[in-house]
């Protein structure tokens, strides 16, 4: 049973949801088979009483059908039917949580069934819902569009040609939904494009951006926020767009669902990282400020309830560049345990190692880095660089030479490392090896080393290399 979709799904459901599904199965409107109810009840009880014990198909069959001979085909049919009921139930659960869609479907039913006595009631319910609903994201405009469309049908505007109708409202809300949703996914693609080196194709995107440049949508928050986020992410020097975005978010982020608000903040964090990578180190402070806002507004957790590893790591790195040692230690203690389980130990060990490195407690760094699993390439590269500089600080130059050689082999073998990133790391390793060979007091050699670094178009941790060279003057 362990490999069946129904049993794996039941294992993932929490107790309140399983309780509601049981009530669903008890209703003859949804289910008329006592066998399905019996099967689910047993599986649910088994999950509670035996969380780590495996259940065989034969044992499950015996509990449901007693002494009847085991039949694989019949068991598959039972599992398939129970899974279908579970899928229907989960869809109904989502529907019940969406009051706007419920009211729109009510208006549709009133129209199609000719229930004239319910017409004014359904319209009033819809108007009241849109007054009190707290959010103004793309889904809000979609619901408004559906509401206006159902209202158009309910009132019979299609048959009353002389009436003004609400066509303008229908199309206005459709346009706002389309624009905000298009921009939402476009912002996501901008970040992914940098990681995947994939050229996403979006129909009419240039025309949309040109239209938005000419027309203000300040009254349509979702459109305005995502438009300025696109500008910020695609025009890194456009500080005016970023400042406008910050103001919009400060004033209006509460009008977005928590999950979407987290994604909007993530877009701003990506902008800050891009600026830092281009040498605008004042954005380290910006990154920390954004993280603090997310903590204060309870937007720091992702939809799965965990802190994203890249945000956690970047927050620590930015804070440490600002020498916010106590802040970083507290952040690790508070949010390290909220990292996803598969990266929690490595994430906490890495950031603690980084904290010790910045505090110049180098003897504490290596033990932590030695137990990190490097499944994430970017994570592993950063850790290997830190390990190299730790060997340098401890004057373990023979070990460092060996480490640099192994690092170069790693870079050459990993085909999932983009060429530009690989070259960036190789350049850093080359300069680190030159740094090892500088003779203290050789001012001319040090000056040339620093001049060469500054002449590079892009070099990883250039300030750290320069700082170490300066110390050798």
Protein backbone atom coordinates (compact mmCIF):
# COMPACT_ATOMS: atom_id res chain seq x y z
CA UNK A 1 0.00 0.00 0.00
CA UNK A 2 2.93 2.32 0.63
CA UNK A 3 3.39 3.07 -3.08
CA UNK A 4 -0.28 3.79 -3.79
CA UNK A 5 -1.32 7.38 -4.43
CA UNK A 6 -4.26 7.19 -2.04
CA UNK A 7 -2.19 6.02 0.93
CA UNK A 8 0.66 8.47 0.27
CA UNK A 9 -1.90 11.27 0.04
CA UNK A 10 -3.63 10.28 3.28
CA UNK A 11 -0.26 10.28 5.07
CA UNK A 12 0.20 13.93 4.07
CA UNK A 13 -3.22 15.13 5.22
CA UNK A 14 -3.44 16.64 8.70
CA UNK A 15 -5.99 15.35 11.19
CA UNK A 16 -8.60 18.13 10.76
CA UNK A 17 -8.62 17.62 6.98
CA UNK A 18 -8.92 13.84 7.36
CA UNK A 19 -11.80 14.36 9.77
CA UNK A 20 -13.63 16.50 7.22
CA UNK A 21 -13.00 13.94 4.49
CA UNK A 22 -14.53 11.28 6.71
CA UNK A 23 -17.66 13.43 7.13
CA UNK A 24 -17.68 13.87 3.35
CA UNK A 25 -17.65 10.08 2.89
CA UNK A 26 -20.47 9.71 5.43
CA UNK A 27 -22.74 11.93 3.31
CA UNK A 28 -24.92 9.93 0.86
CA UNK A 29 -24.89 12.97 -1.45
CA UNK A 30 -21.20 12.35 -2.14
CA UNK A 31 -20.71 8.67 -1.32
CA UNK A 32 -23.13 5.73 -1.02
CA UNK A 33 -20.57 3.01 -0.42
CA UNK A 34 -19.81 1.95 3.16
CA UNK A 35 -16.71 0.16 1.86
CA UNK A 36 -15.00 3.43 0.93
CA UNK A 37 -15.76 4.88 4.36
CA UNK A 38 -14.45 1.74 6.06
CA UNK A 39 -11.29 1.74 3.93
CA UNK A 40 -10.51 5.38 4.63
CA UNK A 41 -11.23 5.05 8.35
CA UNK A 42 -8.78 2.17 8.61
CA UNK A 43 -6.07 3.95 6.62
CA UNK A 44 -6.49 7.14 8.65
CA UNK A 45 -6.31 5.24 11.96
CA UNK A 46 -3.28 3.32 10.72
CA UNK A 47 -1.44 6.57 9.93
CA UNK A 48 -2.16 7.90 13.44
CA UNK A 49 -1.23 4.72 15.32
CA UNK A 50 1.64 3.50 13.13
CA UNK A 51 3.42 6.54 11.65
CA UNK A 52 6.59 4.56 10.91
CA UNK A 53 5.09 1.16 10.17
CA UNK A 54 4.51 -0.08 6.63
CA UNK A 55 1.17 -1.48 5.48
CA UNK A 56 1.01 -4.33 3.00
CA UNK A 57 -1.77 -4.68 0.44
CA UNK A 58 -2.70 -8.06 1.86
CA UNK A 59 -3.07 -6.71 5.40
CA UNK A 60 -5.23 -3.85 4.13
CA UNK A 61 -7.39 -6.25 2.10
CA UNK A 62 -7.95 -8.47 5.14
CA UNK A 63 -9.10 -5.53 7.26
CA UNK A 64 -11.62 -4.42 4.64
CA UNK A 65 -12.83 -7.68 3.11
CA UNK A 66 -12.12 -10.21 5.84
CA UNK A 67 -11.77 -13.77 4.59
CA UNK A 68 -12.53 -13.01 0.95
CA UNK A 69 -9.70 -14.19 -1.36
CA UNK A 70 -7.25 -11.42 -2.19
CA UNK A 71 -7.82 -9.93 -5.65
CA UNK A 72 -5.31 -7.39 -6.94
CA UNK A 73 -7.71 -5.99 -9.55
CA UNK A 74 -10.45 -5.36 -6.98
CA UNK A 75 -7.99 -3.67 -4.63
CA UNK A 76 -6.83 -1.36 -7.40
CA UNK A 77 -10.45 -0.48 -8.14
CA UNK A 78 -11.06 0.36 -4.47
CA UNK A 79 -7.93 2.53 -4.28
CA UNK A 80 -8.81 4.28 -7.52
CA UNK A 81 -12.38 5.05 -6.42
CA UNK A 82 -11.27 6.27 -3.01
CA UNK A 83 -8.66 8.49 -4.65
CA UNK A 84 -11.32 9.96 -6.96
CA UNK A 85 -13.47 10.81 -3.95
CA UNK A 86 -10.49 12.40 -2.23
CA UNK A 87 -9.76 14.56 -5.31
CA UNK A 88 -13.39 15.68 -5.46
CA UNK A 89 -13.29 16.50 -1.75
CA UNK A 90 -10.08 18.54 -2.05
CA UNK A 91 -11.53 20.53 -4.94
CA UNK A 92 -14.66 21.19 -2.87
CA UNK A 93 -12.49 22.33 0.05
CA UNK A 94 -10.83 24.92 -2.17
CA UNK A 95 -14.20 26.04 -3.51
CA UNK A 96 -15.57 26.49 0.00
CA UNK A 97 -12.62 28.73 0.89
CA UNK A 98 -13.28 31.00 -2.10
CA UNK A 99 -16.33 33.09 -1.27
CA UNK A 100 -16.04 35.21 -4.41
CA UNK A 101 -16.31 32.23 -6.74
CA UNK A 102 -19.19 30.79 -4.71
CA UNK A 103 -21.19 34.00 -5.15
CA UNK A 104 -20.41 34.16 -8.86
CA UNK A 105 -21.61 30.59 -9.31
CA UNK A 106 -24.73 31.46 -7.34
CA UNK A 107 -25.45 34.30 -9.76
CA UNK A 108 -24.94 31.88 -12.66
CA UNK A 109 -27.33 29.35 -11.14
CA UNK A 110 -29.97 32.03 -10.47
CA UNK A 111 -29.77 33.09 -14.13
CA UNK A 112 -29.80 29.61 -15.66
CA UNK A 113 -32.59 28.29 -13.43
CA UNK A 114 -34.68 31.42 -13.75
CA UNK A 115 -34.86 32.00 -9.98
CA UNK A 116 -36.00 35.61 -10.22
CA UNK A 117 -36.75 35.86 -6.49
CA UNK A 118 -33.05 35.28 -5.72
CA UNK A 119 -31.74 37.78 -8.26
CA UNK A 120 -31.51 40.84 -6.02
CA UNK A 121 -30.15 38.78 -3.13
CA UNK A 122 -27.31 37.30 -5.20
CA UNK A 123 -26.40 40.73 -6.61
CA UNK A 124 -26.34 42.26 -3.14
CA UNK A 125 -24.19 39.43 -1.80
CA UNK A 126 -21.71 40.02 -4.63
CA UNK A 127 -21.53 43.77 -4.03
CA UNK A 128 -20.98 43.24 -0.30
CA UNK A 129 -18.23 40.69 -0.92
CA UNK A 130 -16.18 43.05 -3.07
CA UNK A 131 -16.55 45.80 -0.49
CA UNK A 132 -15.17 43.72 2.36
CA UNK A 133 -12.63 41.47 0.58
CA UNK A 134 -9.18 42.56 1.82
CA UNK A 135 -7.04 41.88 -1.24
CA UNK A 136 -6.40 43.77 -4.48
CA UNK A 137 -4.25 41.33 -6.42
CA UNK A 138 -4.82 39.86 -9.89
CA UNK A 139 -7.36 37.37 -8.55
CA UNK A 140 -9.47 40.27 -7.26
CA UNK A 141 -9.78 41.64 -10.80
CA UNK A 142 -10.54 38.17 -12.14
CA UNK A 143 -13.38 37.78 -9.65
CA UNK A 144 -14.65 41.26 -10.49
CA UNK A 145 -14.59 40.33 -14.18
CA UNK A 146 -16.53 37.11 -13.52
CA UNK A 147 -18.99 39.00 -11.31
CA UNK A 148 -19.65 41.66 -13.94
CA UNK A 149 -20.02 38.98 -16.64
CA UNK A 150 -22.53 37.02 -14.52
CA UNK A 151 -24.37 40.27 -13.76
CA UNK A 152 -24.54 41.02 -17.50
CA UNK A 153 -26.22 37.65 -18.07
CA UNK A 154 -28.43 37.86 -15.01
CA UNK A 155 -29.88 41.25 -15.90
CA UNK A 156 -30.29 40.17 -19.53
CA UNK A 157 -28.24 42.96 -21.10
CA UNK A 158 -27.59 40.69 -24.10
CA UNK A 159 -31.31 41.02 -24.97
CA UNK A 160 -31.69 44.70 -24.02
CA UNK A 161 -29.73 46.46 -26.74
CA UNK A 162 -31.03 49.88 -25.73
CA UNK A 163 -29.54 49.59 -22.22
CA UNK A 164 -26.06 50.93 -21.48
CA UNK A 165 -25.04 47.66 -19.77
CA UNK A 166 -21.85 47.06 -17.78
CA UNK A 167 -19.60 46.11 -20.71
CA UNK A 168 -17.02 48.74 -19.74
CA UNK A 169 -16.75 47.26 -16.24
CA UNK A 170 -16.42 43.76 -17.68
CA UNK A 171 -13.57 44.69 -19.98
CA UNK A 172 -11.88 47.00 -17.46
CA UNK A 173 -11.57 44.20 -14.91
CA UNK A 174 -10.52 41.72 -17.59
CA UNK A 175 -7.77 44.12 -18.71
CA UNK A 176 -6.54 44.69 -15.15
CA UNK A 177 -6.45 40.95 -14.50
CA UNK A 178 -4.59 40.31 -17.74
CA UNK A 179 -2.03 43.06 -17.17
CA UNK A 180 -1.31 42.21 -13.53
CA UNK A 181 -1.11 38.47 -14.17
CA UNK A 182 1.11 38.92 -17.22
CA UNK A 183 3.47 41.17 -15.28
CA UNK A 184 3.45 38.78 -12.31
CA UNK A 185 4.77 35.87 -14.37
CA UNK A 186 7.11 38.13 -16.33
CA UNK A 187 8.88 39.17 -13.11
CA UNK A 188 9.34 35.49 -12.27
CA UNK A 189 10.85 34.81 -15.70
CA UNK A 190 13.39 37.63 -15.34
CA UNK A 191 15.04 35.92 -12.37
CA UNK A 192 14.77 32.45 -13.90
CA UNK A 193 16.30 33.69 -17.15
CA UNK A 194 19.49 34.67 -15.30
CA UNK A 195 19.72 31.24 -13.67
CA UNK A 196 18.64 29.01 -16.57
CA UNK A 197 19.99 31.07 -19.48
CA UNK A 198 16.64 30.48 -21.20
CA UNK A 199 15.10 33.10 -23.46
CA UNK A 200 11.43 33.15 -22.46
CA UNK A 201 9.02 34.25 -25.18
CA UNK A 202 6.05 36.39 -24.09
CA UNK A 203 3.47 37.60 -26.58
CA UNK A 204 2.80 41.38 -26.52
CA UNK A 205 5.17 42.05 -23.61
CA UNK A 206 6.90 44.95 -25.35
CA UNK A 207 3.54 46.46 -26.27
CA UNK A 208 2.31 46.12 -22.68
CA UNK A 209 5.38 47.83 -21.26
CA UNK A 210 5.05 50.64 -23.81
CA UNK A 211 1.39 51.08 -22.88
CA UNK A 212 2.23 51.21 -19.16
CA UNK A 213 4.92 53.81 -19.76
CA UNK A 214 2.28 56.11 -21.22
CA UNK A 215 -0.59 55.46 -18.79
CA UNK A 216 -0.71 55.56 -15.00
CA UNK A 217 -2.18 52.60 -13.14
CA UNK A 218 -1.62 53.86 -9.61
CA UNK A 219 -5.24 53.00 -8.78
CA UNK A 220 -4.70 49.40 -9.87
CA UNK A 221 -2.17 48.26 -7.27
CA UNK A 222 -1.30 44.87 -8.73
CA UNK A 223 -0.53 46.38 -12.14
CA UNK A 224 1.46 49.28 -10.70
CA UNK A 225 3.52 47.15 -8.29
CA UNK A 226 4.47 44.51 -10.85
CA UNK A 227 5.17 47.13 -13.51
CA UNK A 228 7.66 48.92 -11.26
CA UNK A 229 9.14 45.59 -10.19
CA UNK A 230 9.73 44.71 -13.85
CA UNK A 231 11.39 48.10 -14.39
CA UNK A 232 13.61 47.63 -11.35
CA UNK A 233 14.69 44.10 -12.31
CA UNK A 234 15.34 44.94 -15.98
CA UNK A 235 16.84 48.40 -15.44
CA UNK A 236 19.12 48.08 -12.42
CA UNK A 237 20.11 51.74 -12.60
CA UNK A 238 16.48 52.86 -12.52
CA UNK A 239 16.48 53.88 -8.85
CA UNK A 240 13.33 55.93 -9.39
CA UNK A 241 11.37 52.77 -10.26
CA UNK A 242 12.75 51.00 -7.20
CA UNK A 243 11.92 53.88 -4.85
CA UNK A 244 8.40 54.02 -6.29
CA UNK A 245 8.08 50.29 -5.76
CA UNK A 246 9.23 50.60 -2.14
CA UNK A 247 6.62 53.26 -1.49
CA UNK A 248 3.86 51.21 -3.08
CA UNK A 249 4.79 48.19 -1.00
CA UNK A 250 5.11 50.16 2.25
CA UNK A 251 1.63 51.59 1.78
CA UNK A 252 -0.17 48.64 0.22
CA UNK A 253 1.47 45.27 0.80
CA UNK A 254 -1.32 44.35 3.25
CA UNK A 255 -3.68 44.28 0.25
CA UNK A 256 -1.99 41.13 -1.08
CA UNK A 257 -2.31 37.55 0.23
CA UNK A 258 0.68 36.55 2.40
CA UNK A 259 2.06 34.11 -0.18
CA UNK A 260 1.99 36.73 -2.93
CA UNK A 261 3.34 39.44 -0.62
CA UNK A 262 6.30 37.14 0.10
CA UNK A 263 6.93 36.80 -3.65
CA UNK A 264 6.81 40.58 -4.13
CA UNK A 265 9.38 41.04 -1.39
CA UNK A 266 11.44 38.28 -3.02
CA UNK A 267 11.51 40.33 -6.21
CA UNK A 268 12.88 43.30 -4.26
CA UNK A 269 15.49 41.05 -2.63
CA UNK A 270 16.56 39.86 -6.09
CA UNK A 271 17.00 43.49 -7.11
CA UNK A 272 19.17 44.14 -4.04
CA UNK A 273 21.32 41.08 -4.79
CA UNK A 274 21.78 42.19 -8.41
CA UNK A 275 22.90 45.63 -7.21
CA UNK A 276 25.34 44.09 -4.71
CA UNK A 277 26.78 41.86 -7.43
CA UNK A 278 27.41 44.98 -9.51
CA UNK A 279 29.36 46.60 -6.68
CA UNK A 280 26.61 48.72 -5.08
CA UNK A 281 27.48 47.47 -1.60
CA UNK A 282 25.13 49.92 0.11
CA UNK A 283 22.39 47.50 -0.89
CA UNK A 284 23.60 45.09 1.80
CA UNK A 285 21.82 47.41 4.22
CA UNK A 286 18.80 47.41 1.91
CA UNK A 287 18.71 43.62 1.88
CA UNK A 288 18.78 43.41 5.67
CA UNK A 289 16.09 46.09 5.94
CA UNK A 290 13.84 44.14 3.58
CA UNK A 291 14.38 40.94 5.58
CA UNK A 292 13.47 42.79 8.78
CA UNK A 293 10.29 44.09 7.14
CA UNK A 294 9.38 40.55 6.05
CA UNK A 295 9.92 39.29 9.60
CA UNK A 296 7.86 42.11 11.09
CA UNK A 297 4.98 41.62 8.62
CA UNK A 298 5.22 37.81 8.88
CA UNK A 299 6.12 37.34 5.21
CA UNK A 300 9.46 35.63 5.81
CA UNK A 301 8.11 32.09 5.39
CA UNK A 302 7.38 30.56 1.98
CA UNK A 303 4.08 28.88 1.07
CA UNK A 304 5.44 25.57 2.40
CA UNK A 305 6.03 27.11 5.83
CA UNK A 306 9.84 27.21 5.55
CA UNK A 307 12.43 29.93 5.04
CA UNK A 308 14.05 29.74 1.59
CA UNK A 309 17.72 28.80 1.84
CA UNK A 310 18.91 31.51 -0.56
CA UNK A 311 17.15 34.26 1.43
CA UNK A 312 18.50 32.88 4.69
CA UNK A 313 22.04 32.70 3.35
CA UNK A 314 21.95 36.09 1.60
CA UNK A 315 20.53 37.77 4.71
CA UNK A 316 23.43 36.43 6.78
CA UNK A 317 26.01 37.42 4.17
CA UNK A 318 24.65 40.96 3.84
CA UNK A 319 24.45 41.43 7.60
CA UNK A 320 28.00 40.17 8.07
CA UNK A 321 29.32 42.55 5.43
CA UNK A 322 27.85 45.27 7.63
CA UNK A 323 29.54 43.65 10.67
CA UNK A 324 26.13 42.97 12.25
CA UNK A 325 27.48 39.94 14.10
CA UNK A 326 24.92 39.81 16.91
CA UNK A 327 22.03 40.31 14.46
CA UNK A 328 23.32 37.44 12.32
CA UNK A 329 23.72 35.09 15.27
CA UNK A 330 20.17 35.81 16.44
CA UNK A 331 18.83 35.39 12.89
CA UNK A 332 20.52 31.98 12.57
CA UNK A 333 19.14 30.89 15.95
CA UNK A 334 15.59 32.05 15.16
CA UNK A 335 15.22 31.09 11.52
CA UNK A 336 17.79 28.33 10.96
CA UNK A 337 15.39 25.78 12.49
CA UNK A 338 12.78 26.95 9.95
CA UNK A 339 14.86 26.00 6.92
CA UNK A 340 13.57 23.03 4.87
CA UNK A 341 14.58 19.78 6.63
CA UNK A 342 16.78 18.57 3.75
CA UNK A 343 19.02 21.67 3.88
CA UNK A 344 18.57 22.74 7.50
CA UNK A 345 21.76 21.31 8.98
CA UNK A 346 23.96 22.37 6.06
CA UNK A 347 22.39 25.84 5.94
CA UNK A 348 22.93 26.47 9.64
CA UNK A 349 26.48 25.06 9.58
CA UNK A 350 27.40 27.22 6.59
CA UNK A 351 26.07 30.47 8.04
CA UNK A 352 27.63 29.79 11.43
CA UNK A 353 30.92 29.10 9.65
CA UNK A 354 30.50 32.40 7.81
CA UNK A 355 29.82 34.17 11.11
CA UNK A 356 32.96 32.68 12.68
CA UNK A 357 34.97 33.60 9.58
CA UNK A 358 33.90 37.24 9.79
CA UNK A 359 34.63 37.26 13.52
CA UNK A 360 38.09 35.90 12.64
CA UNK A 361 37.48 32.76 14.69
CA UNK A 362 39.00 30.68 11.89
CA UNK A 363 39.61 27.58 13.98
CA UNK A 364 35.83 27.12 14.27
CA UNK A 365 35.18 27.41 10.53
CA UNK A 366 36.70 24.22 9.11
CA UNK A 367 34.82 21.72 11.36
CA UNK A 368 31.51 23.25 10.28
CA UNK A 369 32.33 23.33 6.56
CA UNK A 370 33.58 19.75 6.60
CA UNK A 371 30.11 18.37 7.45
CA UNK A 372 28.20 20.36 4.82
CA UNK A 373 26.56 18.47 1.94
CA UNK A 374 27.10 20.29 -1.33
CA UNK A 375 24.01 19.20 -3.27
CA UNK A 376 23.24 22.82 -4.20
CA UNK A 377 25.96 23.98 -6.59
CA UNK A 378 25.86 27.67 -5.68
CA UNK A 379 25.90 26.73 -2.01
CA UNK A 380 28.89 24.45 -2.52
CA UNK A 381 30.87 27.01 -4.50
CA UNK A 382 30.45 29.66 -1.82
CA UNK A 383 31.46 27.21 0.91
CA UNK A 384 34.55 26.12 -1.02
CA UNK A 385 35.64 29.74 -1.46
CA UNK A 386 35.22 30.36 2.25
CA UNK A 387 37.22 27.21 3.04
CA UNK A 388 40.02 28.44 0.76
CA UNK A 389 40.22 31.78 2.53
CA UNK A 390 40.13 30.04 5.91
CA UNK A 391 43.22 28.02 4.93
CA UNK A 392 44.84 31.30 3.87
CA UNK A 393 44.06 32.98 7.20
CA UNK A 394 45.42 29.98 9.10
CA UNK A 395 48.53 30.05 6.87
CA UNK A 396 47.88 26.43 5.83
CA UNK A 397 49.37 27.13 2.40
CA UNK A 398 50.13 23.53 1.43
CA UNK A 399 46.56 22.52 2.23
CA UNK A 400 45.34 25.57 0.35
CA UNK A 401 47.32 24.62 -2.76
CA UNK A 402 45.75 21.16 -2.70
CA UNK A 403 42.31 22.64 -2.12
CA UNK A 404 42.66 25.04 -5.07
CA UNK A 405 43.62 22.16 -7.36
CA UNK A 406 40.62 20.10 -6.27
CA UNK A 407 38.41 23.16 -6.64
CA UNK A 408 39.52 23.65 -10.25
CA UNK A 409 38.74 20.00 -11.02
CA UNK A 410 35.30 20.44 -9.44
CA UNK A 411 34.62 23.50 -11.61
CA UNK A 412 35.66 21.70 -14.78
CA UNK A 413 33.57 18.59 -14.11
CA UNK A 414 30.31 20.23 -13.07
CA UNK A 415 28.53 20.88 -16.35
CA UNK A 416 25.61 22.53 -14.54
CA UNK A 417 27.75 25.57 -13.67
CA UNK A 418 27.18 28.37 -16.23
CA UNK A 419 30.32 29.31 -18.16
CA UNK A 420 30.36 32.90 -16.89
CA UNK A 421 30.12 31.77 -13.27
CA UNK A 422 32.83 29.16 -13.78
CA UNK A 423 35.18 31.76 -15.24
CA UNK A 424 34.41 34.11 -12.34
CA UNK A 425 35.42 31.49 -9.78
CA UNK A 426 38.51 30.47 -11.74
CA UNK A 427 39.60 34.12 -11.87
CA UNK A 428 39.17 34.41 -8.11
CA UNK A 429 41.24 31.26 -7.54
CA UNK A 430 43.98 32.62 -9.79
CA UNK A 431 44.20 35.84 -7.79
CA UNK A 432 44.06 33.96 -4.49
CA UNK A 433 47.05 31.91 -5.64
CA UNK A 434 48.88 35.12 -6.59
CA UNK A 435 48.02 36.55 -3.17
CA UNK A 436 49.70 33.58 -1.48
CA UNK A 437 52.93 34.35 -3.32
CA UNK A 438 53.09 38.05 -2.49
CA UNK A 439 56.00 38.91 -0.24
CA UNK A 440 55.07 41.11 2.75
CA UNK A 441 56.55 44.58 2.29
CA UNK A 442 56.86 44.30 -1.51
CA UNK A 443 54.80 47.44 -2.14
CA UNK A 444 55.36 47.38 -5.90
CA UNK A 445 54.02 43.82 -6.25
CA UNK A 446 51.08 44.59 -4.00
CA UNK A 447 50.20 47.70 -6.00
CA UNK A 448 50.30 45.75 -9.25
CA UNK A 449 48.14 42.99 -7.72
CA UNK A 450 45.48 45.52 -6.65
CA UNK A 451 45.67 47.32 -10.01
CA UNK A 452 45.14 44.06 -11.88
CA UNK A 453 42.11 43.18 -9.76
CA UNK A 454 40.52 46.56 -10.35
CA UNK A 455 41.09 46.16 -14.07
CA UNK A 456 39.03 42.97 -14.15
CA UNK A 457 35.49 43.42 -15.47
CA UNK A 458 34.08 41.20 -12.74
CA UNK A 459 35.78 39.28 -9.99
CA UNK A 460 34.30 37.43 -7.07
CA UNK A 461 34.98 38.92 -3.61
CA UNK A 462 37.33 41.52 -5.05
CA UNK A 463 37.17 43.64 -1.88
CA UNK A 464 38.34 40.70 0.26
CA UNK A 465 41.33 40.04 -2.01
CA UNK A 466 42.26 43.74 -2.01
CA UNK A 467 41.90 43.93 1.77
CA UNK A 468 44.29 41.00 2.22
CA UNK A 469 46.77 42.49 -0.25
CA UNK A 470 46.67 45.86 1.54
CA UNK A 471 47.67 44.09 4.74
CA UNK A 472 50.91 42.96 3.04
CA UNK A 473 52.17 46.47 2.19
